[in-house]
Protein backbone atom coordinates (compact mmCIF):
# COMPACT_ATOMS: atom_id res chain seq x y z
CA MET A 1 -4.00 10.33 -29.49
CA THR A 2 -5.55 13.44 -27.06
CA SER A 3 -5.84 11.66 -23.62
CA PRO A 4 -6.15 12.93 -20.34
CA ARG A 5 -2.68 13.46 -17.99
CA ALA A 6 -1.96 12.40 -14.03
CA ALA A 7 -2.92 15.13 -12.43
CA HIS A 8 -1.26 15.84 -8.99
CA PRO A 9 -3.70 17.28 -6.26
CA ALA A 10 -4.17 20.54 -6.56
CA GLN A 11 -6.55 20.92 -3.99
CA PRO A 12 -6.04 19.57 -0.14
CA TRP A 13 -9.70 17.72 -0.69
CA GLU A 14 -7.98 15.78 -3.89
CA ARG A 15 -5.30 14.39 -1.33
CA ARG A 16 -8.09 11.90 0.13
CA LEU A 17 -8.78 10.21 -3.34
CA TYR A 18 -5.23 8.91 -2.29
CA LEU A 19 -4.94 8.27 1.18
CA PRO A 20 -5.37 4.55 2.45
CA ALA A 21 -8.47 4.63 3.59
CA TYR A 22 -10.85 1.22 3.16
CA ARG A 23 -9.90 -2.01 4.44
CA TYR A 24 -10.50 -5.05 2.02
CA ALA A 25 -14.07 -5.97 3.87
CA GLU A 26 -15.48 -2.59 3.52
CA ALA A 27 -14.14 -2.47 -0.13
CA ALA A 28 -15.51 -5.77 -0.60
CA ARG A 29 -19.04 -4.83 0.77
CA LEU A 30 -19.02 -1.56 -1.28
CA ALA A 31 -17.99 -3.23 -4.73
CA GLN A 32 -20.27 -6.68 -4.18
CA THR A 33 -17.21 -9.51 -3.80
CA THR A 34 -15.45 -10.86 -0.86
CA PRO A 35 -11.99 -9.69 0.64
CA GLN A 36 -9.90 -13.12 -0.53
CA THR A 37 -10.85 -12.24 -4.37
CA ILE A 38 -10.10 -8.48 -3.95
CA SER A 39 -6.25 -9.76 -2.49
CA ARG A 40 -5.84 -11.84 -5.08
CA TRP A 41 -6.56 -8.99 -7.44
CA LEU A 42 -3.97 -6.62 -5.88
CA ARG A 43 -1.45 -9.48 -4.66
CA GLY A 44 -2.17 -12.56 -6.78
CA ALA A 45 -2.03 -15.91 -5.73
CA ALA A 46 -0.43 -18.74 -6.07
CA THR A 47 -1.74 -22.13 -6.07
CA PRO A 48 0.00 -26.09 -7.10
CA GLY A 49 1.37 -25.86 -10.47
CA ARG A 50 -0.11 -21.89 -11.02
CA ARG A 51 0.41 -18.39 -10.04
CA MET A 52 -2.07 -15.55 -10.84
CA ARG A 53 -0.36 -12.32 -11.22
CA PRO A 54 -2.23 -9.72 -9.73
CA VAL A 55 -4.75 -7.47 -11.90
CA LEU A 56 -3.81 -4.35 -10.49
CA PRO A 57 -0.99 -2.87 -8.10
CA ALA A 58 -1.11 -2.94 -4.57
CA ARG A 59 0.05 0.04 -2.30
CA ALA A 60 -0.88 0.02 1.26
CA PRO A 61 -1.33 -3.92 2.88
CA GLY A 62 -4.30 -3.93 3.87
CA LEU A 63 -5.87 -1.10 2.53
CA LEU A 64 -6.90 0.64 -0.20
CA SER A 65 -7.62 4.66 -1.31
CA TYR A 66 -11.13 5.68 -2.68
CA LEU A 67 -9.67 5.57 -6.48
CA GLN A 68 -8.28 2.04 -5.62
CA LEU A 69 -11.92 1.52 -4.56
CA ILE A 70 -13.59 2.61 -7.72
CA GLU A 71 -10.53 0.26 -10.04
CA VAL A 72 -11.82 -2.45 -7.71
CA ALA A 73 -15.87 -2.25 -8.34
CA PHE A 74 -14.97 -2.33 -11.78
CA VAL A 75 -12.65 -5.37 -11.79
CA ALA A 76 -15.80 -7.01 -9.76
CA ASP A 77 -17.74 -5.76 -12.16
CA PHE A 78 -16.17 -6.80 -15.62
CA ARG A 79 -15.61 -10.31 -14.11
CA ARG A 80 -19.26 -11.05 -13.68
CA LEU A 81 -19.65 -9.65 -17.22
CA GLY A 82 -17.31 -12.65 -17.95
CA VAL A 83 -13.94 -10.44 -18.85
CA PRO A 84 -11.21 -12.51 -18.12
CA LEU A 85 -8.22 -11.61 -16.01
CA ASP A 86 -5.88 -11.33 -18.75
CA ASN A 87 -7.71 -8.66 -21.09
CA LEU A 88 -8.08 -6.98 -17.48
CA ARG A 89 -4.16 -7.05 -16.67
CA ARG A 90 -3.29 -6.00 -20.47
CA ALA A 91 -6.23 -3.12 -20.61
CA HIS A 92 -4.99 -1.60 -17.23
CA ALA A 93 -1.15 -1.32 -18.13
CA TYR A 94 -2.05 -0.29 -21.64
CA LEU A 95 -4.13 2.59 -20.36
CA ARG A 96 -1.85 3.94 -17.61
CA LYS A 97 0.93 4.17 -20.32
CA ALA A 98 -1.14 5.19 -23.13
CA PHE A 99 -3.55 7.55 -21.22
CA ALA A 100 -0.60 8.44 -18.48
CA VAL A 101 -3.17 8.13 -15.21
CA GLU A 102 -2.07 6.21 -12.06
CA PHE A 103 -5.56 4.74 -11.53
CA PRO A 104 -7.40 4.62 -15.34
CA PHE A 105 -10.32 2.65 -14.34
CA ALA A 106 -10.96 5.39 -11.89
CA GLN A 107 -10.07 8.39 -14.03
CA LEU A 108 -11.13 7.07 -17.58
CA GLU A 109 -14.53 6.15 -18.79
CA VAL A 110 -14.29 2.70 -18.93
CA LYS A 111 -16.78 0.49 -20.39
CA THR A 112 -17.09 -3.28 -21.51
CA ASP A 113 -19.13 -5.28 -24.13
CA GLY A 114 -18.53 -8.59 -22.03
CA ALA A 115 -15.67 -9.52 -23.07
CA SER A 116 -13.07 -6.72 -23.57
CA VAL A 117 -12.25 -3.44 -21.55
CA LEU A 118 -13.25 -0.12 -23.53
CA VAL A 119 -12.48 3.58 -23.57
CA GLU A 120 -13.86 6.28 -24.85
CA TYR A 121 -11.96 9.65 -25.62
CA ILE A 122 -11.92 12.55 -27.90
CA GLU A 123 -9.35 13.30 -30.57
CA HIS A 124 -9.15 16.19 -31.98
CA GLU A 125 -8.80 15.81 -35.65
CA GLY A 126 -8.55 18.69 -38.49
CA GLY A 127 -10.43 20.98 -36.23
CA GLN A 128 -13.19 18.35 -35.18
CA ALA A 129 -13.27 16.75 -32.01
CA LEU A 130 -14.10 13.14 -32.78
CA ARG A 131 -15.54 10.74 -30.04
CA ARG A 132 -13.12 7.77 -30.12
CA LEU A 133 -13.50 4.12 -28.43
CA VAL A 134 -10.69 1.82 -28.14
CA ALA A 135 -10.34 -1.57 -27.01
CA ALA A 136 -7.49 -1.54 -24.35
CA ASP A 137 -6.61 -4.70 -23.84
CA ARG A 138 -6.30 -5.25 -27.81
CA GLY A 139 -3.86 -2.30 -27.50
CA GLY A 140 -5.91 0.40 -28.50
CA GLN A 141 -7.90 -1.42 -31.59
CA LEU A 142 -11.14 0.90 -32.37
CA ALA A 143 -14.58 -0.55 -31.10
CA TRP A 144 -18.00 -0.53 -31.52
CA PRO A 145 -20.03 1.63 -28.66
CA GLU A 146 -22.58 -1.36 -27.93
CA LEU A 147 -21.69 -1.13 -24.15
CA ILE A 148 -22.94 -1.79 -20.48
CA GLN A 149 -22.28 0.86 -18.58
CA ALA A 150 -23.89 0.98 -15.39
CA ARG A 151 -20.62 1.05 -12.89
CA PHE A 152 -19.81 4.10 -15.14
CA GLU A 153 -23.16 5.63 -14.63
CA GLN A 154 -22.82 5.48 -10.68
CA LEU A 155 -19.72 8.17 -10.78
CA ASP A 156 -19.61 11.82 -10.92
CA TYR A 157 -16.24 12.85 -12.56
CA GLU A 158 -14.08 16.10 -12.12
CA GLY A 159 -11.05 16.78 -13.53
CA HIS A 160 -10.69 13.04 -14.97
CA ARG A 161 -11.36 11.29 -11.75
CA ALA A 162 -14.14 9.53 -10.16
CA VAL A 163 -14.91 11.68 -6.80
CA ARG A 164 -18.20 10.70 -6.12
CA TRP A 165 -19.71 6.51 -6.21
CA TYR A 166 -23.22 5.83 -6.05
CA PRO A 167 -22.01 2.08 -4.79
CA ARG A 168 -25.95 0.56 -5.35
CA GLY A 169 -27.17 3.55 -8.38
CA ARG A 170 -28.59 7.02 -8.29
CA SER A 171 -31.60 5.74 -7.51
CA VAL A 172 -30.46 4.71 -4.22
CA PRO A 173 -29.43 7.64 -1.73
CA ILE A 174 -25.75 6.16 -0.56
CA VAL A 175 -22.59 7.89 -1.80
CA VAL A 176 -18.95 7.35 -1.15
CA ASP A 177 -17.36 10.68 -1.05
CA PRO A 178 -13.75 10.86 -0.08
CA ARG A 179 -13.69 14.72 0.59
CA ILE A 180 -17.08 13.93 3.76
CA ALA A 181 -16.67 11.53 6.29
CA PHE A 182 -13.59 10.02 5.23
CA GLY A 183 -15.05 8.13 2.54
CA ALA A 184 -17.66 6.45 4.24
CA PRO A 185 -21.32 5.85 2.86
CA LEU A 186 -23.59 8.49 3.53
CA VAL A 187 -27.63 9.47 3.36
CA GLU A 188 -27.43 11.50 0.14
CA ARG A 189 -27.71 14.80 1.71
CA ALA A 190 -28.27 14.06 4.64
CA GLY A 191 -24.67 13.83 5.17
CA VAL A 192 -24.85 11.21 7.82
CA ALA A 193 -22.88 7.81 7.76
CA THR A 194 -25.36 4.75 7.57
CA TRP A 195 -23.32 2.49 10.16
CA VAL A 196 -24.40 5.87 12.23
CA LEU A 197 -27.90 4.81 11.47
CA ARG A 198 -27.46 1.19 11.73
CA GLU A 199 -25.98 1.39 15.12
CA ARG A 200 -28.63 3.91 16.78
CA TYR A 201 -31.51 1.39 15.09
CA GLU A 202 -29.69 -1.55 16.48
CA ALA A 203 -29.40 -0.03 19.92
CA GLY A 204 -33.49 0.75 19.87
CA GLU A 205 -33.97 4.09 19.01
CA SER A 206 -37.18 4.69 17.49
CA LEU A 207 -37.74 6.12 13.71
CA SER A 208 -39.49 8.76 14.35
CA ASP A 209 -36.48 9.97 16.63
CA LEU A 210 -33.71 9.06 13.98
CA GLU A 211 -35.74 11.01 11.36
CA ALA A 212 -35.68 14.19 13.52
CA GLU A 213 -32.22 13.86 14.70
CA PHE A 214 -30.15 13.23 11.17
CA GLY A 215 -33.05 15.40 9.27
CA VAL A 216 -33.71 12.31 6.84
CA THR A 217 -36.89 10.59 5.76
CA ARG A 218 -38.23 7.57 5.94
CA GLU A 219 -36.98 6.35 2.29
CA GLN A 220 -33.68 7.12 3.23
CA LEU A 221 -33.50 5.23 6.53
CA ALA A 222 -34.52 2.40 4.63
CA ALA A 223 -32.30 2.34 2.17
CA ALA A 224 -29.89 3.25 4.88
CA LEU A 225 -30.50 0.17 6.92
CA ALA A 226 -30.86 -2.04 3.52
CA PHE A 227 -27.45 -0.60 2.48
CA GLU A 228 -26.27 -2.04 5.97
CA GLY A 229 -27.61 -5.21 5.70
CA LEU A 230 -31.03 -4.59 7.90
CA ALA A 231 -34.35 -4.52 7.27
CA LEU A 232 -36.44 -1.75 8.50
CA GLN A 233 -39.20 -2.64 10.73
CA ALA A 234 -42.69 -0.64 11.36
CA ALA A 235 -42.29 1.78 14.10
């Protein structure tokens, strides 16, 4: 099996992918789940007569790195699509070992058919590059490529790492990039954090003033405020 290998950060900005930066509440907002659910995925949970094991390895208490955030987002999607937690645990463990990566859901092309975690990779045989698709939760068994991959299509990859995320899809001009503004959600190209626009708007600044000061369009303002949970009102 030809597979990507875990890469140590080669550039200063790459360290930001691994630095704890997101509280559970912010991660939950971005991944559209709850802080309590994220805590269970990372730390497990105990109920009378039952112990839920973690799905993903935890790092800094109460904080996630950017790569952990991407993994949480994938787990949230997998769960919405009905993939069992046990399948996700097995898939994560298998991919870490088979592909030698620390954050496989953020470093590999992970997809799902609604039951299993699937990974596509390139294998070279007889001078040919062949695309393979395996079911990670079934020990690498080959699978059919009939996939739901909306979350994967939100990500830009560099060197087998997801370095840019459009958390509401590419049609919405909101991007999370750990290399800019410490990974805060930004208006694409304008580079202004959505929370800044929300605070200034709530403080009473006009839409025209915000457009002029930050170089954003009315459509970008509407998207940023909607992302922050506010409806844009007429000027």
